[in-house]
């Protein structure tokens, strides 16, 4: 299967909305509203068009990933820029074929070229470590809500990007449920 990854375009929005809905439809640990989160994030200051990517195969969009701007705030209210990965989605018929991994690696490469040093996520504890993600607690970083520690992860895109960064992730308002 030939997979092409490219920047999402405005005309892709409806297709991506449905793709995300279908990808998370049967996921137990989901609020099944990820597609609405993406819509809110696209309208926010946290949105980076170059980090909104689609995967195409068989002349259709089969996968999607979005990285958006966040900050990590320490006890002294100093902030450190980072990115949030939310979501990565692949159509059910194409899951388990490495498409999500290709999207993640491509998004990481672009983020690094754009000058970002790290990515934080809330996700499946068995999936993301394959790409280098470690528990946020290993970096001294916490998420601002009560979730299992095993699902809170981060990666340094550049060496020691999180070395002196400790604190709480501050998500943009778009992450809040309306």
N, C-alpha and C. Protein backbone atom coordinates (compact mmCIF):
# COMPACT_ATOMS: atom_id res chain seq x y z
N UNK A 1 0.85 -1.18 0.00
CA UNK A 1 0.00 0.00 0.00
C UNK A 1 0.89 1.24 0.00
N UNK A 2 0.64 2.12 -0.94
CA UNK A 2 1.39 3.36 -1.05
C UNK A 2 0.69 4.44 -0.22
N UNK A 3 1.38 4.93 0.80
CA UNK A 3 0.79 5.93 1.71
C UNK A 3 1.49 7.26 1.50
N UNK A 4 0.70 8.28 1.29
CA UNK A 4 1.21 9.64 1.12
C UNK A 4 0.73 10.46 2.33
N UNK A 5 1.66 11.17 2.96
CA UNK A 5 1.28 12.04 4.08
C UNK A 5 1.47 13.48 3.62
N UNK A 6 0.43 14.27 3.85
CA UNK A 6 0.47 15.67 3.42
C UNK A 6 -0.26 16.54 4.44
N UNK A 7 -0.08 17.85 4.29
CA UNK A 7 -0.77 18.81 5.13
C UNK A 7 -2.26 18.77 4.82
N UNK A 8 -3.06 18.84 5.85
CA UNK A 8 -4.51 18.89 5.68
C UNK A 8 -4.90 20.21 5.02
N UNK A 9 -5.87 20.14 4.12
CA UNK A 9 -6.41 21.33 3.45
C UNK A 9 -7.85 21.55 3.92
N UNK A 10 -8.34 22.76 3.72
CA UNK A 10 -9.70 23.10 4.15
C UNK A 10 -10.75 22.14 3.57
N UNK A 11 -10.54 21.73 2.32
CA UNK A 11 -11.53 20.84 1.70
C UNK A 11 -11.51 19.43 2.30
N UNK A 12 -10.53 19.13 3.15
CA UNK A 12 -10.45 17.83 3.82
C UNK A 12 -11.25 17.78 5.12
N UNK A 13 -11.70 18.92 5.63
CA UNK A 13 -12.27 19.00 6.97
C UNK A 13 -13.42 18.03 7.20
N UNK A 14 -14.39 17.95 6.28
CA UNK A 14 -15.54 17.06 6.47
C UNK A 14 -15.10 15.60 6.49
N UNK A 15 -14.19 15.24 5.58
CA UNK A 15 -13.69 13.87 5.51
C UNK A 15 -12.94 13.52 6.79
N UNK A 16 -12.13 14.44 7.28
CA UNK A 16 -11.36 14.21 8.51
C UNK A 16 -12.30 14.09 9.71
N UNK A 17 -13.33 14.91 9.76
CA UNK A 17 -14.32 14.83 10.85
C UNK A 17 -14.90 13.42 10.93
N UNK A 18 -15.33 12.89 9.80
CA UNK A 18 -15.93 11.55 9.76
C UNK A 18 -14.90 10.47 10.05
N UNK A 19 -13.69 10.64 9.54
CA UNK A 19 -12.61 9.69 9.81
C UNK A 19 -12.36 9.57 11.31
N UNK A 20 -12.25 10.71 11.99
CA UNK A 20 -11.99 10.70 13.44
C UNK A 20 -13.15 10.04 14.18
N UNK A 21 -14.37 10.38 13.78
CA UNK A 21 -15.55 9.77 14.42
C UNK A 21 -15.50 8.25 14.30
N UNK A 22 -15.23 7.76 13.10
CA UNK A 22 -15.17 6.32 12.87
C UNK A 22 -14.00 5.66 13.61
N UNK A 23 -12.86 6.34 13.63
CA UNK A 23 -11.67 5.78 14.27
C UNK A 23 -11.87 5.58 15.77
N UNK A 24 -12.63 6.47 16.41
CA UNK A 24 -12.81 6.40 17.86
C UNK A 24 -14.16 5.81 18.28
N UNK A 25 -14.97 5.44 17.31
CA UNK A 25 -16.32 4.96 17.57
C UNK A 25 -16.38 3.81 18.59
N UNK A 26 -15.45 2.87 18.49
CA UNK A 26 -15.47 1.71 19.38
C UNK A 26 -14.33 1.71 20.41
N UNK A 27 -13.71 2.86 20.62
CA UNK A 27 -12.63 2.96 21.59
C UNK A 27 -13.24 3.19 22.97
N UNK A 28 -12.92 2.28 23.89
CA UNK A 28 -13.53 2.32 25.22
C UNK A 28 -13.16 3.58 26.00
N UNK A 29 -11.88 3.93 26.01
CA UNK A 29 -11.41 5.08 26.79
C UNK A 29 -11.43 6.35 25.94
N UNK A 30 -12.59 6.69 25.46
CA UNK A 30 -12.77 7.88 24.62
C UNK A 30 -14.10 8.51 24.98
N UNK A 31 -14.16 9.84 24.84
CA UNK A 31 -15.45 10.50 25.03
C UNK A 31 -16.21 10.58 23.70
N UNK A 32 -15.59 10.06 22.63
CA UNK A 32 -16.17 10.01 21.30
C UNK A 32 -16.48 11.41 20.75
N UNK A 33 -15.70 12.38 21.20
CA UNK A 33 -15.89 13.76 20.74
C UNK A 33 -14.59 14.34 20.17
N UNK A 34 -13.63 13.50 19.84
CA UNK A 34 -12.34 13.97 19.34
C UNK A 34 -12.49 14.83 18.08
N UNK A 35 -13.47 14.50 17.23
CA UNK A 35 -13.68 15.26 16.00
C UNK A 35 -14.08 16.70 16.30
N UNK A 36 -14.82 16.91 17.39
CA UNK A 36 -15.21 18.26 17.78
C UNK A 36 -14.02 19.02 18.36
N UNK A 37 -13.16 18.31 19.08
CA UNK A 37 -11.93 18.91 19.60
C UNK A 37 -11.09 19.46 18.44
N UNK A 38 -10.94 18.68 17.39
CA UNK A 38 -10.15 19.11 16.23
C UNK A 38 -10.76 20.37 15.63
N UNK A 39 -12.08 20.42 15.52
CA UNK A 39 -12.72 21.63 14.98
C UNK A 39 -12.41 22.85 15.84
N UNK A 40 -12.47 22.70 17.16
CA UNK A 40 -12.17 23.82 18.06
C UNK A 40 -10.70 24.22 17.94
N UNK A 41 -9.82 23.23 17.89
CA UNK A 41 -8.39 23.52 17.82
C UNK A 41 -8.02 24.25 16.52
N UNK A 42 -8.65 23.89 15.42
CA UNK A 42 -8.37 24.57 14.14
C UNK A 42 -8.68 26.07 14.23
N UNK A 43 -9.63 26.44 15.08
CA UNK A 43 -10.03 27.85 15.21
C UNK A 43 -9.23 28.57 16.31
N UNK A 44 -8.30 27.88 16.95
CA UNK A 44 -7.59 28.46 18.10
C UNK A 44 -6.20 28.97 17.72
N UNK A 45 -5.62 29.75 18.63
CA UNK A 45 -4.25 30.24 18.45
C UNK A 45 -3.23 29.11 18.58
N UNK A 46 -3.65 27.98 19.12
CA UNK A 46 -2.74 26.84 19.31
C UNK A 46 -2.52 26.06 18.01
N UNK A 47 -3.34 26.32 17.02
CA UNK A 47 -3.31 25.55 15.76
C UNK A 47 -2.09 25.92 14.92
N UNK A 48 -1.43 24.89 14.42
CA UNK A 48 -0.28 25.06 13.52
C UNK A 48 -0.62 24.27 12.25
N UNK A 49 -0.98 24.94 11.16
CA UNK A 49 -1.42 24.23 9.96
C UNK A 49 -0.45 23.15 9.48
N UNK A 50 0.84 23.39 9.61
CA UNK A 50 1.86 22.43 9.16
C UNK A 50 1.85 21.14 9.96
N UNK A 51 1.20 21.15 11.13
CA UNK A 51 1.15 19.97 11.99
C UNK A 51 -0.24 19.35 12.05
N UNK A 52 -1.05 19.65 11.04
CA UNK A 52 -2.35 19.02 10.84
C UNK A 52 -2.20 18.21 9.55
N UNK A 53 -2.00 16.90 9.71
CA UNK A 53 -1.60 16.05 8.59
C UNK A 53 -2.59 14.94 8.30
N UNK A 54 -2.73 14.60 7.02
CA UNK A 54 -3.55 13.47 6.62
C UNK A 54 -2.68 12.42 5.93
N UNK A 55 -3.10 11.18 6.04
CA UNK A 55 -2.48 10.06 5.32
C UNK A 55 -3.46 9.63 4.24
N UNK A 56 -2.96 9.49 3.03
CA UNK A 56 -3.80 9.05 1.92
C UNK A 56 -3.30 7.72 1.37
N UNK A 57 -4.25 6.88 0.98
CA UNK A 57 -3.96 5.63 0.27
C UNK A 57 -5.22 5.28 -0.52
N UNK A 58 -5.05 4.59 -1.60
CA UNK A 58 -6.21 4.18 -2.41
C UNK A 58 -7.09 5.38 -2.77
N UNK A 59 -6.45 6.52 -3.02
CA UNK A 59 -7.16 7.76 -3.40
C UNK A 59 -8.18 8.25 -2.37
N UNK A 60 -7.90 7.95 -1.09
CA UNK A 60 -8.78 8.48 -0.04
C UNK A 60 -7.97 8.77 1.22
N UNK A 61 -8.52 9.65 2.06
CA UNK A 61 -7.88 9.97 3.33
C UNK A 61 -8.20 8.84 4.30
N UNK A 62 -7.14 8.24 4.87
CA UNK A 62 -7.33 7.09 5.77
C UNK A 62 -6.78 7.34 7.17
N UNK A 63 -6.06 8.46 7.35
CA UNK A 63 -5.49 8.74 8.66
C UNK A 63 -5.31 10.23 8.88
N UNK A 64 -5.15 10.61 10.15
CA UNK A 64 -5.04 12.02 10.52
C UNK A 64 -4.25 12.14 11.82
N UNK A 65 -3.47 13.23 11.92
CA UNK A 65 -2.80 13.56 13.17
C UNK A 65 -2.79 15.08 13.33
N UNK A 66 -2.84 15.51 14.59
CA UNK A 66 -2.79 16.93 14.89
C UNK A 66 -1.89 17.15 16.10
N UNK A 67 -0.94 18.08 15.95
CA UNK A 67 -0.12 18.56 17.06
C UNK A 67 -0.43 20.04 17.22
N UNK A 68 -0.72 20.47 18.45
CA UNK A 68 -1.04 21.87 18.72
C UNK A 68 -0.18 22.39 19.86
N UNK A 69 -0.08 23.72 19.91
CA UNK A 69 0.76 24.36 20.93
C UNK A 69 0.16 24.25 22.33
N UNK A 70 1.01 23.94 23.28
CA UNK A 70 0.67 23.96 24.71
C UNK A 70 1.85 24.59 25.44
N UNK A 71 1.68 24.80 26.72
CA UNK A 71 2.78 25.24 27.58
C UNK A 71 2.88 24.33 28.79
N UNK A 72 4.07 24.25 29.32
CA UNK A 72 4.28 23.58 30.60
C UNK A 72 4.66 24.69 31.57
N UNK A 73 3.93 24.78 32.68
CA UNK A 73 4.11 25.88 33.63
C UNK A 73 4.70 25.34 34.93
N UNK A 74 5.81 25.95 35.37
CA UNK A 74 6.43 25.50 36.61
C UNK A 74 5.84 26.22 37.82
N UNK A 75 6.34 25.89 39.00
CA UNK A 75 5.81 26.44 40.25
C UNK A 75 5.95 27.96 40.33
N UNK A 76 6.93 28.52 39.60
CA UNK A 76 7.15 29.97 39.61
C UNK A 76 6.39 30.68 38.48
N UNK A 77 5.51 29.94 37.80
CA UNK A 77 4.70 30.47 36.69
C UNK A 77 5.51 30.73 35.42
N UNK A 78 6.73 30.18 35.34
CA UNK A 78 7.48 30.24 34.09
C UNK A 78 6.85 29.23 33.13
N UNK A 79 6.79 29.58 31.86
CA UNK A 79 6.19 28.66 30.89
C UNK A 79 7.22 28.21 29.86
N UNK A 80 7.04 26.97 29.42
CA UNK A 80 7.92 26.35 28.44
C UNK A 80 7.04 25.81 27.32
N UNK A 81 7.30 26.22 26.07
CA UNK A 81 6.47 25.75 24.97
C UNK A 81 6.66 24.26 24.68
N UNK A 82 5.59 23.62 24.30
CA UNK A 82 5.61 22.23 23.89
C UNK A 82 4.45 22.03 22.93
N UNK A 83 4.20 20.78 22.57
CA UNK A 83 3.08 20.43 21.70
C UNK A 83 2.25 19.33 22.34
N UNK A 84 0.97 19.31 22.01
CA UNK A 84 0.09 18.21 22.41
C UNK A 84 -0.24 17.41 21.17
N UNK A 85 -0.16 16.10 21.28
CA UNK A 85 -0.61 15.21 20.21
C UNK A 85 -2.03 14.80 20.55
N UNK A 86 -2.97 15.26 19.74
CA UNK A 86 -4.38 14.89 19.95
C UNK A 86 -5.17 15.37 18.75
N UNK A 87 -5.73 14.47 18.02
CA UNK A 87 -5.60 13.01 18.09
C UNK A 87 -4.71 12.47 16.98
N UNK A 88 -4.47 11.18 17.03
CA UNK A 88 -4.02 10.44 15.85
C UNK A 88 -5.14 9.44 15.59
N UNK A 89 -5.60 9.40 14.34
CA UNK A 89 -6.76 8.58 14.00
C UNK A 89 -6.54 7.91 12.65
N UNK A 90 -6.95 6.65 12.58
CA UNK A 90 -6.86 5.88 11.34
C UNK A 90 -8.19 5.14 11.16
N UNK A 91 -8.69 5.14 9.93
CA UNK A 91 -9.93 4.42 9.65
C UNK A 91 -9.81 2.97 10.11
N UNK A 92 -10.86 2.41 10.70
CA UNK A 92 -10.79 1.05 11.25
C UNK A 92 -10.23 0.00 10.28
N UNK A 93 -10.60 0.05 9.01
CA UNK A 93 -10.11 -0.95 8.05
C UNK A 93 -8.61 -0.86 7.80
N UNK A 94 -8.01 0.26 8.17
CA UNK A 94 -6.58 0.47 7.92
C UNK A 94 -5.74 0.44 9.19
N UNK A 95 -6.39 0.22 10.34
CA UNK A 95 -5.65 0.18 11.61
C UNK A 95 -4.76 -1.05 11.67
N UNK A 96 -3.65 -0.93 12.40
CA UNK A 96 -2.73 -2.05 12.56
C UNK A 96 -1.80 -2.25 11.38
N UNK A 97 -1.73 -1.28 10.48
CA UNK A 97 -0.89 -1.39 9.29
C UNK A 97 0.27 -0.39 9.29
N UNK A 98 0.50 0.27 10.44
CA UNK A 98 1.62 1.19 10.55
C UNK A 98 1.34 2.61 10.10
N UNK A 99 0.10 2.92 9.77
CA UNK A 99 -0.24 4.26 9.28
C UNK A 99 -0.15 5.29 10.39
N UNK A 100 -0.67 4.96 11.57
CA UNK A 100 -0.55 5.87 12.72
C UNK A 100 0.90 6.16 13.03
N UNK A 101 1.74 5.14 12.97
CA UNK A 101 3.17 5.33 13.22
C UNK A 101 3.82 6.25 12.21
N UNK A 102 3.45 6.11 10.94
CA UNK A 102 4.00 7.00 9.90
C UNK A 102 3.56 8.45 10.14
N UNK A 103 2.30 8.62 10.54
CA UNK A 103 1.82 9.97 10.85
C UNK A 103 2.58 10.56 12.03
N UNK A 104 2.79 9.76 13.08
CA UNK A 104 3.51 10.24 14.27
C UNK A 104 4.94 10.64 13.90
N UNK A 105 5.65 9.78 13.19
CA UNK A 105 7.05 10.07 12.82
C UNK A 105 7.14 11.31 11.94
N UNK A 106 6.24 11.43 10.97
CA UNK A 106 6.24 12.60 10.09
C UNK A 106 5.95 13.87 10.88
N UNK A 107 4.94 13.82 11.77
CA UNK A 107 4.61 14.99 12.59
C UNK A 107 5.78 15.38 13.49
N UNK A 108 6.45 14.38 14.07
CA UNK A 108 7.63 14.66 14.89
C UNK A 108 8.71 15.38 14.07
N UNK A 109 8.98 14.88 12.87
CA UNK A 109 10.02 15.48 12.02
C UNK A 109 9.69 16.93 11.68
N UNK A 110 8.44 17.19 11.33
CA UNK A 110 8.03 18.56 10.99
C UNK A 110 8.11 19.45 12.22
N UNK A 111 7.63 18.96 13.36
CA UNK A 111 7.66 19.75 14.60
C UNK A 111 9.09 20.13 14.97
N UNK A 112 9.99 19.19 14.82
CA UNK A 112 11.40 19.45 15.13
C UNK A 112 11.96 20.54 14.20
N UNK A 113 11.64 20.44 12.91
CA UNK A 113 12.09 21.46 11.94
C UNK A 113 11.50 22.83 12.25
N UNK A 114 10.30 22.85 12.84
CA UNK A 114 9.66 24.12 13.22
C UNK A 114 10.21 24.66 14.54
N UNK A 115 11.10 23.92 15.18
CA UNK A 115 11.74 24.39 16.40
C UNK A 115 11.13 23.92 17.70
N UNK A 116 10.20 22.99 17.64
CA UNK A 116 9.60 22.47 18.86
C UNK A 116 10.47 21.34 19.41
N UNK A 117 10.61 21.30 20.74
CA UNK A 117 11.50 20.33 21.36
C UNK A 117 10.82 19.14 21.99
N UNK A 118 9.48 19.21 22.18
CA UNK A 118 8.81 18.11 22.89
C UNK A 118 7.35 18.01 22.50
N UNK A 119 6.79 16.83 22.81
CA UNK A 119 5.36 16.56 22.59
C UNK A 119 4.84 15.84 23.82
N UNK A 120 3.64 16.22 24.26
CA UNK A 120 2.98 15.59 25.39
C UNK A 120 1.67 14.99 24.89
N UNK A 121 1.29 13.85 25.48
CA UNK A 121 0.02 13.25 25.07
C UNK A 121 -0.62 12.47 26.21
N UNK A 122 -1.88 12.22 26.02
CA UNK A 122 -2.66 11.31 26.87
C UNK A 122 -3.09 10.20 25.92
N UNK A 123 -2.56 8.99 26.14
CA UNK A 123 -2.83 7.94 25.18
C UNK A 123 -2.58 6.55 25.71
N UNK A 124 -2.67 5.58 24.82
CA UNK A 124 -2.56 4.17 25.19
C UNK A 124 -1.14 3.82 25.61
N UNK A 125 -1.01 3.25 26.81
CA UNK A 125 0.30 2.97 27.42
C UNK A 125 1.13 1.95 26.66
N UNK A 126 0.52 1.13 25.82
CA UNK A 126 1.29 0.13 25.07
C UNK A 126 1.68 0.60 23.68
N UNK A 127 1.04 1.64 23.18
CA UNK A 127 1.28 2.08 21.81
C UNK A 127 2.41 3.11 21.68
N UNK A 128 2.32 4.19 22.45
CA UNK A 128 3.22 5.31 22.24
C UNK A 128 4.68 5.09 22.64
N UNK A 129 4.98 4.23 23.62
CA UNK A 129 6.40 3.98 23.93
C UNK A 129 7.21 3.45 22.74
N UNK A 130 6.53 2.82 21.76
CA UNK A 130 7.22 2.34 20.55
C UNK A 130 7.87 3.48 19.77
N UNK A 131 7.37 4.69 19.98
CA UNK A 131 7.88 5.86 19.26
C UNK A 131 8.79 6.72 20.11
N UNK A 132 9.14 6.21 21.30
CA UNK A 132 10.06 6.94 22.18
C UNK A 132 9.40 7.70 23.31
N UNK A 133 8.09 7.61 23.43
CA UNK A 133 7.40 8.32 24.51
C UNK A 133 7.70 7.65 25.85
N UNK A 134 7.85 8.50 26.86
CA UNK A 134 8.08 8.05 28.24
C UNK A 134 7.02 8.68 29.13
N UNK A 135 6.83 8.12 30.30
CA UNK A 135 5.86 8.68 31.23
C UNK A 135 6.24 10.11 31.59
N UNK A 136 5.25 11.00 31.65
CA UNK A 136 5.53 12.40 31.97
C UNK A 136 6.16 12.53 33.35
N UNK A 137 5.81 11.63 34.27
CA UNK A 137 6.37 11.72 35.62
C UNK A 137 7.90 11.56 35.61
N UNK A 138 8.45 10.87 34.60
CA UNK A 138 9.91 10.74 34.47
C UNK A 138 10.56 12.09 34.19
N UNK A 139 9.80 13.02 33.64
CA UNK A 139 10.30 14.36 33.34
C UNK A 139 9.91 15.37 34.41
N UNK A 140 9.04 14.95 35.35
CA UNK A 140 8.54 15.89 36.35
C UNK A 140 7.41 16.75 35.82
N UNK A 141 6.67 16.20 34.86
CA UNK A 141 5.56 16.91 34.24
C UNK A 141 4.25 16.20 34.60
N UNK A 142 3.23 17.01 34.88
CA UNK A 142 1.91 16.47 35.21
C UNK A 142 0.87 17.04 34.27
N UNK A 143 -0.19 16.28 34.04
CA UNK A 143 -1.33 16.80 33.30
C UNK A 143 -2.28 17.44 34.31
N UNK A 144 -3.09 18.41 33.88
CA UNK A 144 -3.92 19.18 34.82
C UNK A 144 -5.23 18.51 35.22
N UNK A 145 -5.37 17.23 34.91
CA UNK A 145 -6.59 16.52 35.29
C UNK A 145 -6.23 15.13 35.78
N UNK A 146 -7.18 14.50 36.42
CA UNK A 146 -6.95 13.20 37.05
C UNK A 146 -7.12 12.07 36.04
N UNK A 147 -5.99 11.52 35.61
CA UNK A 147 -5.98 10.39 34.68
C UNK A 147 -4.88 9.43 35.11
N UNK A 148 -4.96 8.16 34.71
CA UNK A 148 -3.91 7.21 35.09
C UNK A 148 -2.53 7.65 34.59
N UNK A 149 -1.53 7.57 35.48
CA UNK A 149 -0.15 7.97 35.14
C UNK A 149 0.37 7.25 33.91
N UNK A 150 -0.02 5.99 33.73
CA UNK A 150 0.50 5.20 32.61
C UNK A 150 0.06 5.72 31.25
N UNK A 151 -0.92 6.61 31.22
CA UNK A 151 -1.42 7.14 29.96
C UNK A 151 -0.89 8.55 29.66
N UNK A 152 -0.11 9.11 30.58
CA UNK A 152 0.44 10.46 30.42
C UNK A 152 1.89 10.34 29.97
N UNK A 153 2.16 10.76 28.73
CA UNK A 153 3.49 10.56 28.16
C UNK A 153 4.01 11.80 27.46
N UNK A 154 5.33 11.81 27.29
CA UNK A 154 6.00 12.90 26.58
C UNK A 154 7.21 12.34 25.85
N UNK A 155 7.65 13.10 24.86
CA UNK A 155 8.86 12.74 24.12
C UNK A 155 9.67 14.01 23.90
N UNK A 156 10.98 13.87 23.95
CA UNK A 156 11.88 14.96 23.60
C UNK A 156 12.23 14.80 22.12
N UNK A 157 11.88 15.80 21.33
CA UNK A 157 12.19 15.76 19.91
C UNK A 157 13.64 16.15 19.66
N UNK A 158 14.17 16.96 20.57
CA UNK A 158 15.59 17.29 20.53
C UNK A 158 16.18 16.93 21.90
N UNK A 159 17.43 16.57 21.88
CA UNK A 159 18.08 16.05 23.08
C UNK A 159 17.95 17.02 24.26
N UNK A 160 17.53 16.48 25.39
CA UNK A 160 17.39 17.22 26.66
C UNK A 160 16.42 18.40 26.60
N UNK A 161 15.47 18.36 25.68
CA UNK A 161 14.50 19.45 25.54
C UNK A 161 13.67 19.66 26.81
N UNK A 162 13.50 18.60 27.59
CA UNK A 162 12.70 18.70 28.82
C UNK A 162 13.56 18.59 30.07
N UNK A 163 14.87 18.70 29.90
CA UNK A 163 15.79 18.48 31.02
C UNK A 163 15.51 19.36 32.23
N UNK A 164 15.29 20.62 32.04
CA UNK A 164 15.04 21.52 33.17
C UNK A 164 13.60 22.00 33.23
N UNK A 165 12.71 21.24 32.62
CA UNK A 165 11.30 21.60 32.57
C UNK A 165 10.52 20.70 33.52
N UNK A 166 9.93 21.30 34.53
CA UNK A 166 9.09 20.58 35.48
C UNK A 166 7.83 21.41 35.66
N UNK A 167 6.70 20.76 35.77
CA UNK A 167 5.49 21.53 35.99
C UNK A 167 4.25 20.86 35.46
N UNK A 168 3.22 21.69 35.23
CA UNK A 168 1.91 21.22 34.82
C UNK A 168 1.64 21.68 33.39
N UNK A 169 1.09 20.78 32.60
CA UNK A 169 0.72 21.12 31.22
C UNK A 169 -0.46 22.08 31.25
N UNK A 170 -0.36 23.14 30.48
CA UNK A 170 -1.45 24.11 30.33
C UNK A 170 -1.95 24.02 28.89
N UNK A 171 -3.15 23.46 28.76
CA UNK A 171 -3.76 23.31 27.44
C UNK A 171 -4.50 24.58 27.06
N UNK A 172 -4.61 24.87 25.77
CA UNK A 172 -5.42 26.02 25.36
C UNK A 172 -6.90 25.77 25.65
N UNK A 173 -7.68 26.84 25.72
CA UNK A 173 -9.11 26.75 26.02
C UNK A 173 -9.84 25.79 25.09
N UNK A 174 -9.37 25.64 23.86
CA UNK A 174 -10.04 24.78 22.88
C UNK A 174 -10.12 23.33 23.35
N UNK A 175 -9.25 22.94 24.27
CA UNK A 175 -9.28 21.56 24.78
C UNK A 175 -10.43 21.34 25.75
N UNK A 176 -10.98 22.43 26.28
CA UNK A 176 -12.07 22.30 27.25
C UNK A 176 -13.36 21.97 26.54
N UNK A 177 -14.13 21.07 27.13
CA UNK A 177 -15.41 20.68 26.54
C UNK A 177 -16.38 21.85 26.67
N UNK A 178 -17.00 22.16 25.55
CA UNK A 178 -17.92 23.31 25.53
C UNK A 178 -19.30 22.89 25.99
